[in-house]
């Protein structure tokens, strides 16, 4: 069973920065893609961005230019660097990964989520 463990969340003032980490229990190169979702109260879960096995990252428009996803394969860790944070970035952030099983089926793994709160 794959485990994804997030860390680095907390409370920050608007305009500040945070870096989230997602440590995987196995070699992250085995995943097709990794990324981050977020869920704010009373809102649907939103994809923040993803990073491919080759290191190509894509982002939702609302975070482009402010957030950066990176990966350290040696540490089996993916990062979400969040700069110029806004109150509307307040949410629980969840790390996820997608893997292809030997029978060809895709499976998603999720972290437990970590709270990010941006005060105005």
Protein backbone atom coordinates (compact mmCIF):
# COMPACT_ATOMS: atom_id res chain seq x y z
CA UNK A 1 0.00 0.00 0.00
CA UNK A 2 1.39 3.37 -1.04
CA UNK A 3 1.46 6.12 1.54
CA UNK A 4 1.71 9.82 0.78
CA UNK A 5 2.43 12.10 3.73
CA UNK A 6 2.08 15.87 3.45
CA UNK A 7 3.87 18.39 5.63
CA UNK A 8 4.59 22.10 5.73
CA UNK A 9 1.13 23.60 6.04
CA UNK A 10 0.05 26.23 8.50
CA UNK A 11 -1.04 29.83 8.92
CA UNK A 12 0.49 32.61 6.87
CA UNK A 13 -0.38 36.22 6.12
CA UNK A 14 -1.49 37.29 2.67
CA UNK A 15 1.52 37.83 0.44
CA UNK A 16 3.55 35.25 2.30
CA UNK A 17 4.94 31.89 1.23
CA UNK A 18 4.71 28.26 2.26
CA UNK A 19 6.26 25.09 0.92
CA UNK A 20 4.36 21.85 1.14
CA UNK A 21 6.10 18.51 0.91
CA UNK A 22 4.65 15.14 -0.05
CA UNK A 23 6.78 12.16 0.90
CA UNK A 24 5.94 8.86 -0.78
CA UNK A 25 6.54 5.42 0.66
CA UNK A 26 8.03 4.16 -2.58
CA UNK A 27 10.04 5.36 -5.55
CA UNK A 28 8.07 8.23 -7.08
CA UNK A 29 9.47 7.47 -10.49
CA UNK A 30 7.03 4.55 -10.50
CA UNK A 31 4.10 6.98 -10.63
CA UNK A 32 2.74 8.27 -13.93
CA UNK A 33 2.06 11.65 -12.42
CA UNK A 34 1.94 13.33 -9.05
CA UNK A 35 0.23 16.50 -8.02
CA UNK A 36 -1.80 18.54 -5.63
CA UNK A 37 -5.48 19.15 -5.13
CA UNK A 38 -7.10 21.51 -2.68
CA UNK A 39 -10.50 21.70 -1.05
CA UNK A 40 -11.90 24.78 0.61
CA UNK A 41 -14.95 24.65 2.90
CA UNK A 42 -18.21 24.23 0.98
CA UNK A 43 -16.33 24.04 -2.32
CA UNK A 44 -15.51 21.22 -4.68
CA UNK A 45 -12.07 19.71 -4.72
CA UNK A 46 -9.90 21.61 -7.19
CA UNK A 47 -6.81 20.45 -9.04
CA UNK A 48 -3.92 22.79 -8.29
CA UNK A 49 -1.31 21.25 -10.55
CA UNK A 50 0.55 18.15 -11.60
CA UNK A 51 4.07 17.10 -12.42
CA UNK A 52 4.94 14.30 -14.80
CA UNK A 53 7.56 11.62 -14.42
CA UNK A 54 9.73 13.76 -16.70
CA UNK A 55 9.31 16.83 -14.52
CA UNK A 56 6.83 18.78 -16.65
CA UNK A 57 4.45 20.74 -14.43
CA UNK A 58 1.08 22.25 -15.28
CA UNK A 59 -1.12 24.45 -13.13
CA UNK A 60 -4.64 25.73 -12.79
CA UNK A 61 -4.92 29.33 -13.99
CA UNK A 62 -5.57 30.75 -10.53
CA UNK A 63 -2.11 29.74 -9.26
CA UNK A 64 0.02 30.20 -12.38
CA UNK A 65 3.02 32.39 -11.67
CA UNK A 66 2.63 31.97 -7.90
CA UNK A 67 2.87 28.22 -7.27
CA UNK A 68 5.60 25.83 -8.38
CA UNK A 69 5.56 22.04 -8.24
CA UNK A 70 8.88 20.23 -8.18
CA UNK A 71 10.12 16.75 -7.42
CA UNK A 72 13.16 15.17 -5.82
CA UNK A 73 13.32 11.58 -7.01
CA UNK A 74 16.18 10.73 -4.64
CA UNK A 75 14.02 11.72 -1.67
CA UNK A 76 10.77 10.35 -3.12
CA UNK A 77 9.24 13.73 -2.44
CA UNK A 78 7.17 16.23 -4.37
CA UNK A 79 6.96 19.86 -3.34
CA UNK A 80 4.46 22.67 -3.76
CA UNK A 81 6.07 26.07 -3.37
CA UNK A 82 3.35 28.68 -2.82
CA UNK A 83 4.26 32.36 -3.09
CA UNK A 84 2.16 35.53 -2.99
CA UNK A 85 -0.51 33.67 -1.09
CA UNK A 86 -4.03 35.04 -1.04
CA UNK A 87 -6.89 34.41 1.41
CA UNK A 88 -8.69 32.50 -1.35
CA UNK A 89 -5.84 29.96 -1.32
CA UNK A 90 -7.04 28.82 2.10
CA UNK A 91 -7.89 25.13 1.84
CA UNK A 92 -6.88 21.62 2.74
CA UNK A 93 -4.17 20.62 0.28
CA UNK A 94 -3.94 16.99 -0.76
CA UNK A 95 -1.09 15.23 -2.50
CA UNK A 96 -1.97 12.54 -4.99
CA UNK A 97 -0.33 10.17 -7.42
CA UNK A 98 -1.43 7.96 -10.27
CA UNK A 99 0.05 4.60 -11.08
CA UNK A 100 -0.62 1.92 -13.69
CA UNK A 101 -1.10 -1.58 -12.32
CA UNK A 102 0.22 -4.70 -14.04
CA UNK A 103 -3.27 -5.36 -15.47
CA UNK A 104 -3.30 -1.91 -17.05
CA UNK A 105 -5.72 -0.32 -14.62
CA UNK A 106 -5.02 3.11 -13.21
CA UNK A 107 -5.05 3.63 -9.46
CA UNK A 108 -4.92 6.89 -7.51
CA UNK A 109 -3.28 7.35 -4.14
CA UNK A 110 -4.03 10.22 -1.77
CA UNK A 111 -2.40 11.85 1.19
CA UNK A 112 -4.37 12.70 4.30
CA UNK A 113 -4.39 16.41 3.49
CA UNK A 114 -2.87 19.39 5.23
CA UNK A 115 -4.41 22.72 6.16
CA UNK A 116 -3.18 25.97 4.64
CA UNK A 117 -4.74 29.14 6.03
CA UNK A 118 -3.99 32.57 4.59
CA UNK A 119 -5.07 35.53 6.69
CA UNK A 120 -5.90 38.92 5.20
